[in-house]
Amino acid sequence: MVVKAVPHLDKQRDMSSDQYNRRQSLNRMIAILFFLIPGMIFFFAFVLIPVSNSLYYSVFNWNGLGPLTDFVGLRNYNFLLNQPAFQQSIQNSLTIVILSLLVQLPMALALALVVGRGHLRGRSIFRTILFIPFVFSEVITAYIWSYVYHPRDGLANFIVHLFAPGAENMLWLADKDIALLAVFAVITWKYFGLHMILYMAALQGVPQDLEEAARLDGADEMQVIRHVTLPMIGSTIRLTVYLSVLGSFQQFVLIWILTEGGPANATHVLATYLYKFGIISWKLGVGSAIAVMLFIITFTFSLIYQVVVLRRDYDTQFVN
């Protein structure tokens, strides 16, 4: 006996399948919009609109009060680029970036290798102690170090006198030759714990078998670190470089509380220069121009770094 398929049943089955697929697609779209719309609202409200307003304000000579009537075009930008103090703030920002990459990150990596992978006793205690500075707010950190750098009773001069009893008290934050280095020491003390924890977390994912195999092949400890350990945590190293550069350009609270950009503009960075000569001085047009330039610098770096450097990590994650 041959059973023939009923045509109208097949059509109903196809129609129900199409309805189910459309319903699933609609549900996925609703779920995407549900999570996407709040983020887009915040992005437009707190990023895109403020940046657009800053770009608009930057072409006016405006004190923040009253209507925008004195259009000056690019004169604010030209004024800034010819100001020695602004040029100094850019140089200081770049100096902090370079020092962060050459000092802060290598020190955090070395401590992560010692505390996270070494045979040091009481490693958990050291991890806690080294991470505590990152927990402090920037305001508390700045006030702590303002006492450390006190020219008469500060801990820094006390340590100097231990090794050089006849030395004069150093004006750590009042000497323009060393003030920026003193501020950078505070930035390093505050943030290297974050990078250290990131490195320690990455080291947990390095297979011990690979390192042991390299040792059995005759590699010493430095060769193991260089050729096995560091490549395995390369994605984390690239991420910390990214965070360190952006964080260095956006420094404000620590520097402002410690020195307010002084002495003689020796510690001004872009953010403190914006606040002092844009907001406090009631020159909102100039301040907006500084904000636009800072945004362009950080956005350009972020875009190029993500496309050129971090793209390999994104591709690896998607492949996996």
C-alpha atoms as a PDB file:
ATOM      1  CA  MET A   1       0.000   0.000   0.000  1.00  0.00           C
ATOM      2  CA  VAL A   2       1.469   3.379  -1.051  1.00  0.00           C
ATOM      3  CA  VAL A   3       0.862   6.402   1.159  1.00  0.00           C
ATOM      4  CA  LYS A   4       0.747   9.685  -0.709  1.00  0.00           C
ATOM      5  CA  ALA A   5       1.762  12.979   0.873  1.00  0.00           C
ATOM      6  CA  VAL A   6      -1.057  15.418   1.381  1.00  0.00           C
ATOM      7  CA  PRO A   7      -0.092  18.749  -0.327  1.00  0.00           C
ATOM      8  CA  HIS A   8      -1.972  21.062   2.020  1.00  0.00           C
ATOM      9  CA  LEU A   9      -0.270  19.515   5.074  1.00  0.00           C
ATOM     10  CA  ASP A  10       3.164  20.199   3.568  1.00  0.00           C
ATOM     11  CA  LYS A  11       2.158  23.795   2.894  1.00  0.00           C
ATOM     12  CA  GLN A  12       0.949  24.241   6.474  1.00  0.00           C
ATOM     13  CA  ARG A  13       4.196  22.758   7.750  1.00  0.00           C
ATOM     14  CA  ASP A  14       6.234  25.167   5.582  1.00  0.00           C
ATOM     15  CA  MET A  15       4.117  28.130   6.659  1.00  0.00           C
ATOM     16  CA  SER A  16       4.486  27.270  10.336  1.00  0.00           C
ATOM     17  CA  SER A  17       8.253  26.879   9.873  1.00  0.00           C
ATOM     18  CA  ASP A  18       8.485  30.299   8.187  1.00  0.00           C
ATOM     19  CA  GLN A  19       6.415  31.893  10.936  1.00  0.00           C
ATOM     20  CA  TYR A  20       8.658  30.326  13.576  1.00  0.00           C
ATOM     21  CA  ASN A  21      11.813  31.619  11.850  1.00  0.00           C
ATOM     22  CA  ARG A  22      10.348  35.118  11.512  1.00  0.00           C
ATOM     23  CA  ARG A  23       9.327  35.061  15.166  1.00  0.00           C
ATOM     24  CA  GLN A  24      12.835  33.975  16.188  1.00  0.00           C
ATOM     25  CA  SER A  25      14.403  36.730  14.089  1.00  0.00           C
ATOM     26  CA  LEU A  26      12.047  39.287  15.619  1.00  0.00           C
ATOM     27  CA  ASN A  27      12.873  38.101  19.129  1.00  0.00           C
ATOM     28  CA  ARG A  28      16.592  38.338  18.428  1.00  0.00           C
ATOM     29  CA  MET A  29      16.181  41.845  17.054  1.00  0.00           C
ATOM     30  CA  ILE A  30      14.167  42.910  20.101  1.00  0.00           C
ATOM     31  CA  ALA A  31      16.813  41.461  22.431  1.00  0.00           C
ATOM     32  CA  ILE A  32      19.589  43.271  20.539  1.00  0.00           C
ATOM     33  CA  LEU A  33      17.714  46.570  20.660  1.00  0.00           C
ATOM     34  CA  PHE A  34      16.896  46.048  24.336  1.00  0.00           C
ATOM     35  CA  PHE A  35      20.587  45.916  25.219  1.00  0.00           C
ATOM     36  CA  LEU A  36      21.808  48.326  22.536  1.00  0.00           C
ATOM     37  CA  ILE A  37      19.448  51.282  22.983  1.00  0.00           C
ATOM     38  CA  PRO A  38      20.427  52.168  26.608  1.00  0.00           C
ATOM     39  CA  GLY A  39      24.099  52.112  25.673  1.00  0.00           C
ATOM     40  CA  MET A  40      23.486  54.243  22.604  1.00  0.00           C
ATOM     41  CA  ILE A  41      21.510  56.753  24.685  1.00  0.00           C
ATOM     42  CA  PHE A  42      24.428  57.107  27.102  1.00  0.00           C
ATOM     43  CA  PHE A  43      26.888  57.303  24.188  1.00  0.00           C
ATOM     44  CA  PHE A  44      24.961  60.102  22.504  1.00  0.00           C
ATOM     45  CA  ALA A  45      24.248  61.950  25.771  1.00  0.00           C
ATOM     46  CA  PHE A  46      27.716  61.769  27.345  1.00  0.00           C
ATOM     47  CA  VAL A  47      30.105  61.349  24.395  1.00  0.00           C
ATOM     48  CA  LEU A  48      28.828  62.387  20.997  1.00  0.00           C
ATOM     49  CA  ILE A  49      26.791  65.437  22.021  1.00  0.00           C
ATOM     50  CA  PRO A  50      29.476  66.881  24.393  1.00  0.00           C
ATOM     51  CA  VAL A  51      32.177  66.382  21.762  1.00  0.00           C
ATOM     52  CA  SER A  52      30.007  68.037  19.132  1.00  0.00           C
ATOM     53  CA  ASN A  53      29.262  70.952  21.476  1.00  0.00           C
ATOM     54  CA  SER A  54      32.963  71.358  22.290  1.00  0.00           C
ATOM     55  CA  LEU A  55      33.773  71.462  18.592  1.00  0.00           C
ATOM     56  CA  TYR A  56      31.109  74.138  18.116  1.00  0.00           C
ATOM     57  CA  TYR A  57      32.188  76.222  21.132  1.00  0.00           C
ATOM     58  CA  SER A  58      35.856  76.056  20.100  1.00  0.00           C
ATOM     59  CA  VAL A  59      35.324  78.419  17.161  1.00  0.00           C
ATOM     60  CA  PHE A  60      33.899  81.187  19.358  1.00  0.00           C
ATOM     61  CA  ASN A  61      35.415  83.624  21.816  1.00  0.00           C
ATOM     62  CA  TRP A  62      33.063  82.729  24.672  1.00  0.00           C
ATOM     63  CA  ASN A  63      33.252  83.010  28.449  1.00  0.00           C
ATOM     64  CA  GLY A  64      30.500  80.462  29.127  1.00  0.00           C
ATOM     65  CA  LEU A  65      27.814  83.106  29.721  1.00  0.00           C
ATOM     66  CA  GLY A  66      25.426  84.620  27.235  1.00  0.00           C
ATOM     67  CA  PRO A  67      24.936  83.813  23.559  1.00  0.00           C
ATOM     68  CA  LEU A  68      27.647  82.696  21.161  1.00  0.00           C
ATOM     69  CA  THR A  69      28.184  85.763  18.991  1.00  0.00           C
ATOM     70  CA  ASP A  70      31.951  86.337  18.652  1.00  0.00           C
ATOM     71  CA  PHE A  71      32.927  83.868  15.934  1.00  0.00           C
ATOM     72  CA  VAL A  72      36.723  83.522  15.656  1.00  0.00           C
ATOM     73  CA  GLY A  73      37.100  80.438  13.487  1.00  0.00           C
ATOM     74  CA  LEU A  74      40.364  78.571  14.127  1.00  0.00           C
ATOM     75  CA  ARG A  75      41.905  81.470  16.045  1.00  0.00           C
ATOM     76  CA  ASN A  76      41.633  79.608  19.372  1.00  0.00           C
ATOM     77  CA  TYR A  77      43.592  76.686  17.955  1.00  0.00           C
ATOM     78  CA  ASN A  78      46.228  78.991  16.499  1.00  0.00           C
ATOM     79  CA  PHE A  79      46.481  80.795  19.844  1.00  0.00           C
ATOM     80  CA  LEU A  80      47.057  77.517  21.696  1.00  0.00           C
ATOM     81  CA  LEU A  81      49.656  76.159  19.295  1.00  0.00           C
ATOM     82  CA  ASN A  82      51.713  79.316  19.766  1.00  0.00           C
ATOM     83  CA  GLN A  83      51.540  79.266  23.575  1.00  0.00           C
ATOM     84  CA  PRO A  84      54.751  77.958  25.230  1.00  0.00           C
ATOM     85  CA  ALA A  85      52.752  76.721  28.236  1.00  0.00           C
ATOM     86  CA  PHE A  86      50.476  74.663  25.991  1.00  0.00           C
ATOM     87  CA  GLN A  87      53.455  73.235  24.146  1.00  0.00           C
ATOM     88  CA  GLN A  88      54.945  72.351  27.528  1.00  0.00           C
ATOM     89  CA  SER A  89      51.735  70.572  28.547  1.00  0.00           C
ATOM     90  CA  ILE A  90      51.860  68.430  25.397  1.00  0.00           C
ATOM     91  CA  GLN A  91      55.508  67.633  26.057  1.00  0.00           C
ATOM     92  CA  ASN A  92      54.722  66.705  29.665  1.00  0.00           C
ATOM     93  CA  SER A  93      51.881  64.436  28.589  1.00  0.00           C
ATOM     94  CA  LEU A  94      54.165  62.652  26.138  1.00  0.00           C
ATOM     95  CA  THR A  95      56.857  62.382  28.802  1.00  0.00           C
ATOM     96  CA  ILE A  96      54.438  60.662  31.182  1.00  0.00           C
ATOM     97  CA  VAL A  97      53.360  58.315  28.388  1.00  0.00           C
ATOM     98  CA  ILE A  98      56.964  57.352  27.587  1.00  0.00           C
ATOM     99  CA  LEU A  99      57.938  56.921  31.235  1.00  0.00           C
ATOM    100  CA  SER A 100      54.847  54.791  31.837  1.00  0.00           C
ATOM    101  CA  LEU A 101      55.816  52.469  28.991  1.00  0.00           C
ATOM    102  CA  LEU A 102      59.485  52.299  29.947  1.00  0.00           C
ATOM    103  CA  VAL A 103      59.226  52.226  33.751  1.00  0.00           C
ATOM    104  CA  GLN A 104      55.737  51.528  35.064  1.00  0.00           C
ATOM    105  CA  LEU A 105      54.800  48.562  32.861  1.00  0.00           C
ATOM    106  CA  PRO A 106      58.167  46.741  33.041  1.00  0.00           C
ATOM    107  CA  MET A 107      58.190  47.152  36.812  1.00  0.00           C
ATOM    108  CA  ALA A 108      54.649  45.772  37.058  1.00  0.00           C
ATOM    109  CA  LEU A 109      55.608  42.824  34.842  1.00  0.00           C
ATOM    110  CA  ALA A 110      58.745  42.077  36.882  1.00  0.00           C
ATOM    111  CA  LEU A 111      56.793  42.145  40.140  1.00  0.00           C
ATOM    112  CA  ALA A 112      54.101  39.932  38.621  1.00  0.00           C
ATOM    113  CA  LEU A 113      56.740  37.367  37.675  1.00  0.00           C
ATOM    114  CA  VAL A 114      58.311  37.469  41.146  1.00  0.00           C
ATOM    115  CA  VAL A 115      55.167  37.630  43.237  1.00  0.00           C
ATOM    116  CA  GLY A 116      52.885  35.609  40.984  1.00  0.00           C
ATOM    117  CA  ARG A 117      55.213  32.883  39.716  1.00  0.00           C
ATOM    118  CA  GLY A 118      58.281  32.964  41.923  1.00  0.00           C
ATOM    119  CA  HIS A 119      59.072  31.094  45.121  1.00  0.00           C
ATOM    120  CA  LEU A 120      58.830  34.123  47.386  1.00  0.00           C
ATOM    121  CA  ARG A 121      57.422  33.412  50.818  1.00  0.00           C
ATOM    122  CA  GLY A 122      54.296  35.305  51.787  1.00  0.00           C
ATOM    123  CA  ARG A 123      53.398  36.035  48.168  1.00  0.00           C
ATOM    124  CA  SER A 124      49.744  36.646  48.989  1.00  0.00           C
ATOM    125  CA  ILE A 125      50.723  39.342  51.486  1.00  0.00           C
ATOM    126  CA  PHE A 126      52.970  41.043  48.936  1.00  0.00           C
ATOM    127  CA  ARG A 127      50.219  40.890  46.321  1.00  0.00           C
ATOM    128  CA  THR A 128      47.829  42.623  48.690  1.00  0.00           C
ATOM    129  CA  ILE A 129      50.331  45.289  49.706  1.00  0.00           C
ATOM    130  CA  LEU A 130      51.294  46.064  46.117  1.00  0.00           C
ATOM    131  CA  PHE A 131      47.673  46.283  44.967  1.00  0.00           C
ATOM    132  CA  ILE A 132      46.435  48.487  47.836  1.00  0.00           C
ATOM    133  CA  PRO A 133      47.562  51.815  46.230  1.00  0.00           C
ATOM    134  CA  PHE A 134      45.243  51.213  43.287  1.00  0.00           C
ATOM    135  CA  VAL A 135      42.298  50.881  45.686  1.00  0.00           C
ATOM    136  CA  PHE A 136      42.881  54.390  47.058  1.00  0.00           C
ATOM    137  CA  SER A 137      41.098  57.210  45.289  1.00  0.00           C
ATOM    138  CA  GLU A 138      43.229  59.710  43.411  1.00  0.00           C
ATOM    139  CA  VAL A 139      42.351  62.431  45.905  1.00  0.00           C
ATOM    140  CA  ILE A 140      43.530  60.364  48.881  1.00  0.00           C
ATOM    141  CA  THR A 141      46.663  59.348  46.999  1.00  0.00           C
ATOM    142  CA  ALA A 142      47.490  62.964  46.178  1.00  0.00           C
ATOM    143  CA  TYR A 143      47.098  64.089  49.779  1.00  0.00           C
ATOM    144  CA  ILE A 144      49.202  61.190  51.074  1.00  0.00           C
ATOM    145  CA  TRP A 145      52.027  62.081  48.729  1.00  0.00           C
ATOM    146  CA  SER A 146      51.755  65.790  49.453  1.00  0.00           C
ATOM    147  CA  TYR A 147      52.829  64.877  52.997  1.00  0.00           C
ATOM    148  CA  VAL A 148      55.497  62.492  51.710  1.00  0.00           C
ATOM    149  CA  TYR A 149      56.949  65.323  49.616  1.00  0.00           C
ATOM    150  CA  HIS A 150      56.704  67.919  52.394  1.00  0.00           C
ATOM    151  CA  PRO A 151      59.926  69.966  52.175  1.00  0.00           C
ATOM    152  CA  ARG A 152      60.609  69.909  55.922  1.00  0.00           C
ATOM    153  CA  ASP A 153      58.893  66.922  57.542  1.00  0.00           C
ATOM    154  CA  GLY A 154      58.205  64.677  54.553  1.00  0.00           C
ATOM    155  CA  LEU A 155      59.201  61.030  54.305  1.00  0.00           C
ATOM    156  CA  ALA A 156      61.046  61.609  51.033  1.00  0.00           C
ATOM    157  CA  ASN A 157      63.515  64.058  52.572  1.00  0.00           C
ATOM    158  CA  PHE A 158      63.828  61.833  55.643  1.00  0.00           C
ATOM    159  CA  ILE A 159      65.003  58.977  53.403  1.00  0.00           C
ATOM    160  CA  VAL A 160      67.401  61.317  51.594  1.00  0.00           C
ATOM    161  CA  HIS A 161      68.910  62.386  54.936  1.00  0.00           C
ATOM    162  CA  LEU A 162      69.440  58.748  55.906  1.00  0.00           C
ATOM    163  CA  PHE A 163      71.853  58.327  52.995  1.00  0.00           C
ATOM    164  CA  ALA A 164      73.123  61.918  52.876  1.00  0.00           C
ATOM    165  CA  PRO A 165      72.911  63.438  56.376  1.00  0.00           C
ATOM    166  CA  GLY A 166      74.202  66.833  55.301  1.00  0.00           C
ATOM    167  CA  ALA A 167      71.970  67.260  52.285  1.00  0.00           C
ATOM    168  CA  GLU A 168      69.551  70.146  52.049  1.00  0.00           C
ATOM    169  CA  ASN A 169      65.815  69.535  52.013  1.00  0.00           C
ATOM    170  CA  MET A 170      64.616  68.982  48.480  1.00  0.00           C
ATOM    171  CA  LEU A 171      61.609  70.869  47.163  1.00  0.00           C
ATOM    172  CA  TRP A 172      60.142  67.900  45.344  1.00  0.00           C
ATOM    173  CA  LEU A 173      57.045  69.666  44.022  1.00  0.00           C
ATOM    174  CA  ALA A 174      58.456  73.195  43.868  1.00  0.00           C
ATOM    175  CA  ASP A 175      61.580  72.513  41.810  1.00  0.00           C
ATOM    176  CA  LYS A 176      60.679  72.648  38.128  1.00  0.00           C
ATOM    177  CA  ASP A 177      63.571  70.321  37.257  1.00  0.00           C
ATOM    178  CA  ILE A 178      62.267  67.386  39.321  1.00  0.00           C
ATOM    179  CA  ALA A 179      58.570  68.171  39.888  1.00  0.00           C
ATOM    180  CA  LEU A 180      57.355  66.181  36.880  1.00  0.00           C
ATOM    181  CA  LEU A 181      59.430  63.152  37.902  1.00  0.00           C
ATOM    182  CA  ALA A 182      58.052  63.421  41.441  1.00  0.00           C
ATOM    183  CA  VAL A 183      54.506  63.486  40.051  1.00  0.00           C
ATOM    184  CA  PHE A 184      55.255  60.513  37.810  1.00  0.00           C
ATOM    185  CA  ALA A 185      56.471  58.561  40.848  1.00  0.00           C
ATOM    186  CA  VAL A 186      53.047  59.099  42.414  1.00  0.00           C
ATOM    187  CA  ILE A 187      51.283  58.000  39.216  1.00  0.00           C
ATOM    188  CA  THR A 188      53.417  54.853  39.111  1.00  0.00           C
ATOM    189  CA  TRP A 189      52.760  54.057  42.780  1.00  0.00           C
ATOM    190  CA  LYS A 190      49.040  54.488  42.193  1.00  0.00           C
ATOM    191  CA  TYR A 191      48.567  52.476  38.987  1.00  0.00           C
ATOM    192  CA  PHE A 192      51.286  49.842  38.668  1.00  0.00           C
ATOM    193  CA  GLY A 193      49.278  47.511  40.930  1.00  0.00           C
ATOM    194  CA  LEU A 194      46.506  47.336  38.322  1.00  0.00           C
ATOM    195  CA  HIS A 195      48.925  46.289  35.598  1.00  0.00           C
ATOM    196  CA  MET A 196      50.596  43.830  37.951  1.00  0.00           C
ATOM    197  CA  ILE A 197      47.274  42.114  38.668  1.00  0.00           C
ATOM    198  CA  LEU A 198      46.493  41.932  34.950  1.00  0.00           C
ATOM    199  CA  TYR A 199      49.872  40.345  34.276  1.00  0.00           C
ATOM    200  CA  MET A 200      49.431  37.895  37.150  1.00  0.00           C
ATOM    201  CA  ALA A 201      46.041  36.855  35.790  1.00  0.00           C
ATOM    202  CA  ALA A 202      47.567  36.312  32.354  1.00  0.00           C
ATOM    203  CA  LEU A 203      50.426  34.267  33.827  1.00  0.00           C
ATOM    204  CA  GLN A 204      47.902  31.858  35.295  1.00  0.00           C
ATOM    205  CA  GLY A 205      46.965  30.890  31.754  1.00  0.00           C
ATOM    206  CA  VAL A 206      50.514  30.045  30.652  1.00  0.00           C
ATOM    207  CA  PRO A 207      50.865  26.225  30.479  1.00  0.00           C
ATOM    208  CA  GLN A 208      53.566  25.013  32.853  1.00  0.00           C
ATOM    209  CA  ASP A 209      54.332  22.164  30.452  1.00  0.00           C
ATOM    210  CA  LEU A 210      55.637  24.564  27.810  1.00  0.00           C
ATOM    211  CA  GLU A 211      57.991  26.241  30.263  1.00  0.00           C
ATOM    212  CA  GLU A 212      59.215  22.900  31.601  1.00  0.00           C
ATOM    213  CA  ALA A 213      59.789  21.649  28.053  1.00  0.00           C
ATOM    214  CA  ALA A 214      61.894  24.733  27.302  1.00  0.00           C
ATOM    215  CA  ARG A 215      63.963  24.154  30.441  1.00  0.00           C
ATOM    216  CA  LEU A 216      64.513  20.517  29.490  1.00  0.00           C
ATOM    217  CA  ASP A 217      65.752  21.689  26.091  1.00  0.00           C
ATOM    218  CA  GLY A 218      68.461  23.702  27.863  1.00  0.00           C
ATOM    219  CA  ALA A 219      66.872  27.153  28.086  1.00  0.00           C
ATOM    220  CA  ASP A 220      67.747  29.206  31.143  1.00  0.00           C
ATOM    221  CA  GLU A 221      65.129  31.152  33.093  1.00  0.00           C
ATOM    222  CA  MET A 222      65.559  34.385  31.131  1.00  0.00           C
ATOM    223  CA  GLN A 223      65.206  32.523  27.834  1.00  0.00           C
ATOM    224  CA  VAL A 224      62.063  30.806  29.095  1.00  0.00           C
ATOM    225  CA  ILE A 225      60.560  34.159  30.044  1.00  0.00           C
ATOM    226  CA  ARG A 226      61.572  35.797  26.780  1.00  0.00           C
ATOM    227  CA  HIS A 227      60.629  33.055  24.323  1.00  0.00           C
ATOM    228  CA  VAL A 228      57.772  31.269  26.107  1.00  0.00           C
ATOM    229  CA  THR A 229      56.174  33.292  28.896  1.00  0.00           C
ATOM    230  CA  LEU A 230      56.083  36.764  27.349  1.00  0.00           C
ATOM    231  CA  PRO A 231      54.677  35.629  23.959  1.00  0.00           C
ATOM    232  CA  MET A 232      51.958  33.694  25.784  1.00  0.00           C
ATOM    233  CA  ILE A 233      50.821  36.842  27.633  1.00  0.00           C
ATOM    234  CA  GLY A 234      51.322  39.133  24.639  1.00  0.00           C
ATOM    235  CA  SER A 235      47.644  40.045  24.410  1.00  0.00           C
ATOM    236  CA  THR A 236      47.640  41.280  28.012  1.00  0.00           C
ATOM    237  CA  ILE A 237      50.843  43.262  27.471  1.00  0.00           C
ATOM    238  CA  ARG A 238      49.318  44.953  24.434  1.00  0.00           C
ATOM    239  CA  LEU A 239      46.180  45.736  26.442  1.00  0.00           C
ATOM    240  CA  THR A 240      48.145  47.311  29.299  1.00  0.00           C
ATOM    241  CA  VAL A 241      50.084  49.459  26.832  1.00  0.00           C
ATOM    242  CA  TYR A 242      46.762  50.681  25.438  1.00  0.00           C
ATOM    243  CA  LEU A 243      45.364  51.466  28.886  1.00  0.00           C
ATOM    244  CA  SER A 244      48.583  53.098  30.032  1.00  0.00           C
ATOM    245  CA  VAL A 245      48.816  55.486  27.073  1.00  0.00           C
ATOM    246  CA  LEU A 246      45.188  56.596  27.309  1.00  0.00           C
ATOM    247  CA  GLY A 247      45.402  56.920  31.099  1.00  0.00           C
ATOM    248  CA  SER A 248      48.572  59.020  30.856  1.00  0.00           C
ATOM    249  CA  PHE A 249      46.932  61.490  28.455  1.00  0.00           C
ATOM    250  CA  GLN A 250      43.896  61.803  30.740  1.00  0.00           C
ATOM    251  CA  GLN A 251      45.747  62.444  34.014  1.00  0.00           C
ATOM    252  CA  PHE A 252      44.214  65.300  35.987  1.00  0.00           C
ATOM    253  CA  VAL A 253      43.308  64.796  39.667  1.00  0.00           C
ATOM    254  CA  LEU A 254      46.704  63.702  40.982  1.00  0.00           C
ATOM    255  CA  ILE A 255      48.600  66.456  39.198  1.00  0.00           C
ATOM    256  CA  TRP A 256      46.112  69.178  40.025  1.00  0.00           C
ATOM    257  CA  ILE A 257      46.047  68.438  43.756  1.00  0.00           C
ATOM    258  CA  LEU A 258      49.815  68.016  43.999  1.00  0.00           C
ATOM    259  CA  THR A 259      51.027  70.977  41.942  1.00  0.00           C
ATOM    260  CA  GLU A 260      48.126  72.617  40.036  1.00  0.00           C
ATOM    261  CA  GLY A 261      50.414  72.434  37.036  1.00  0.00           C
ATOM    262  CA  GLY A 262      53.275  74.324  38.674  1.00  0.00           C
ATOM    263  CA  PRO A 263      55.889  75.361  39.333  1.00  0.00           C
ATOM    264  CA  ALA A 264      56.040  77.658  36.293  1.00  0.00           C
ATOM    265  CA  ASN A 265      53.824  75.287  34.281  1.00  0.00           C
ATOM    266  CA  ALA A 266      56.437  72.533  34.706  1.00  0.00           C
ATOM    267  CA  THR A 267      53.866  69.807  35.453  1.00  0.00           C
ATOM    268  CA  HIS A 268      50.946  70.923  33.323  1.00  0.00           C
ATOM    269  CA  VAL A 269      49.397  68.240  31.146  1.00  0.00           C
ATOM    270  CA  LEU A 270      46.582  68.732  28.666  1.00  0.00           C
ATOM    271  CA  ALA A 271      43.788  68.146  31.179  1.00  0.00           C
ATOM    272  CA  THR A 272      45.180  70.491  33.849  1.00  0.00           C
ATOM    273  CA  TYR A 273      45.953  73.139  31.243  1.00  0.00           C
ATOM    274  CA  LEU A 274      42.353  72.891  30.021  1.00  0.00           C
ATOM    275  CA  TYR A 275      41.001  73.326  33.538  1.00  0.00           C
ATOM    276  CA  LYS A 276      43.256  76.231  34.512  1.00  0.00           C
ATOM    277  CA  PHE A 277      43.312  78.274  31.317  1.00  0.00           C
ATOM    278  CA  GLY A 278      39.912  77.262  29.987  1.00  0.00           C
ATOM    279  CA  ILE A 279      37.444  76.779  32.834  1.00  0.00           C
ATOM    280  CA  ILE A 280      38.925  78.734  35.751  1.00  0.00           C
ATOM    281  CA  SER A 281      39.899  81.613  33.452  1.00  0.00           C
ATOM    282  CA  TRP A 282      36.387  81.694  31.956  1.00  0.00           C
ATOM    283  CA  LYS A 283      37.718  81.121  28.451  1.00  0.00           C
ATOM    284  CA  LEU A 284      35.368  78.363  27.399  1.00  0.00           C
ATOM    285  CA  GLY A 285      36.169  78.770  23.721  1.00  0.00           C
ATOM    286  CA  VAL A 286      39.856  78.126  24.360  1.00  0.00           C
ATOM    287  CA  GLY A 287      39.020  75.330  26.801  1.00  0.00           C
ATOM    288  CA  SER A 288      36.784  73.676  24.217  1.00  0.00           C
ATOM    289  CA  ALA A 289      39.600  73.861  21.672  1.00  0.00           C
ATOM    290  CA  ILE A 290      41.912  72.084  24.121  1.00  0.00           C
ATOM    291  CA  ALA A 291      39.249  69.437  24.741  1.00  0.00           C
ATOM    292  CA  VAL A 292      38.840  68.867  21.002  1.00  0.00           C
ATOM    293  CA  MET A 293      42.595  68.489  20.538  1.00  0.00           C
ATOM    294  CA  LEU A 294      42.809  66.058  23.452  1.00  0.00           C
ATOM    295  CA  PHE A 295      39.930  64.061  21.988  1.00  0.00           C
ATOM    296  CA  ILE A 296      41.591  63.953  18.569  1.00  0.00           C
ATOM    297  CA  ILE A 297      44.879  62.743  20.054  1.00  0.00           C
ATOM    298  CA  THR A 298      43.340  59.981  22.162  1.00  0.00           C
ATOM    299  CA  PHE A 299      40.796  58.925  19.526  1.00  0.00           C
ATOM    300  CA  THR A 300      43.438  58.755  16.791  1.00  0.00           C
ATOM    301  CA  PHE A 301      45.754  56.677  18.957  1.00  0.00           C
ATOM    302  CA  SER A 302      42.906  54.426  20.049  1.00  0.00           C
ATOM    303  CA  LEU A 303      41.729  53.846  16.478  1.00  0.00           C
ATOM    304  CA  ILE A 304      45.194  53.156  15.045  1.00  0.00           C
ATOM    305  CA  TYR A 305      46.250  50.959  17.959  1.00  0.00           C
ATOM    306  CA  GLN A 306      43.110  48.844  17.833  1.00  0.00           C
ATOM    307  CA  VAL A 307      43.316  48.383  14.060  1.00  0.00           C
ATOM    308  CA  VAL A 308      47.058  47.738  13.866  1.00  0.00           C
ATOM    309  CA  VAL A 309      47.932  46.105  17.201  1.00  0.00           C
ATOM    310  CA  LEU A 310      44.836  44.776  18.963  1.00  0.00           C
ATOM    311  CA  ARG A 311      43.216  43.454  15.816  1.00  0.00           C
ATOM    312  CA  ARG A 312      45.179  40.197  16.021  1.00  0.00           C
ATOM    313  CA  ASP A 313      43.791  39.572  19.507  1.00  0.00           C
ATOM    314  CA  TYR A 314      40.232  40.235  18.324  1.00  0.00           C
ATOM    315  CA  ASP A 315      40.713  37.913  15.355  1.00  0.00           C
ATOM    316  CA  THR A 316      42.101  35.172  17.609  1.00  0.00           C
ATOM    317  CA  GLN A 317      39.155  35.452  19.983  1.00  0.00           C
ATOM    318  CA  PHE A 318      36.636  35.235  17.146  1.00  0.00           C
ATOM    319  CA  VAL A 319      38.433  32.258  15.583  1.00  0.00           C
ATOM    320  CA  ASN A 320      38.459  30.454  18.914  1.00  0.00           C
END
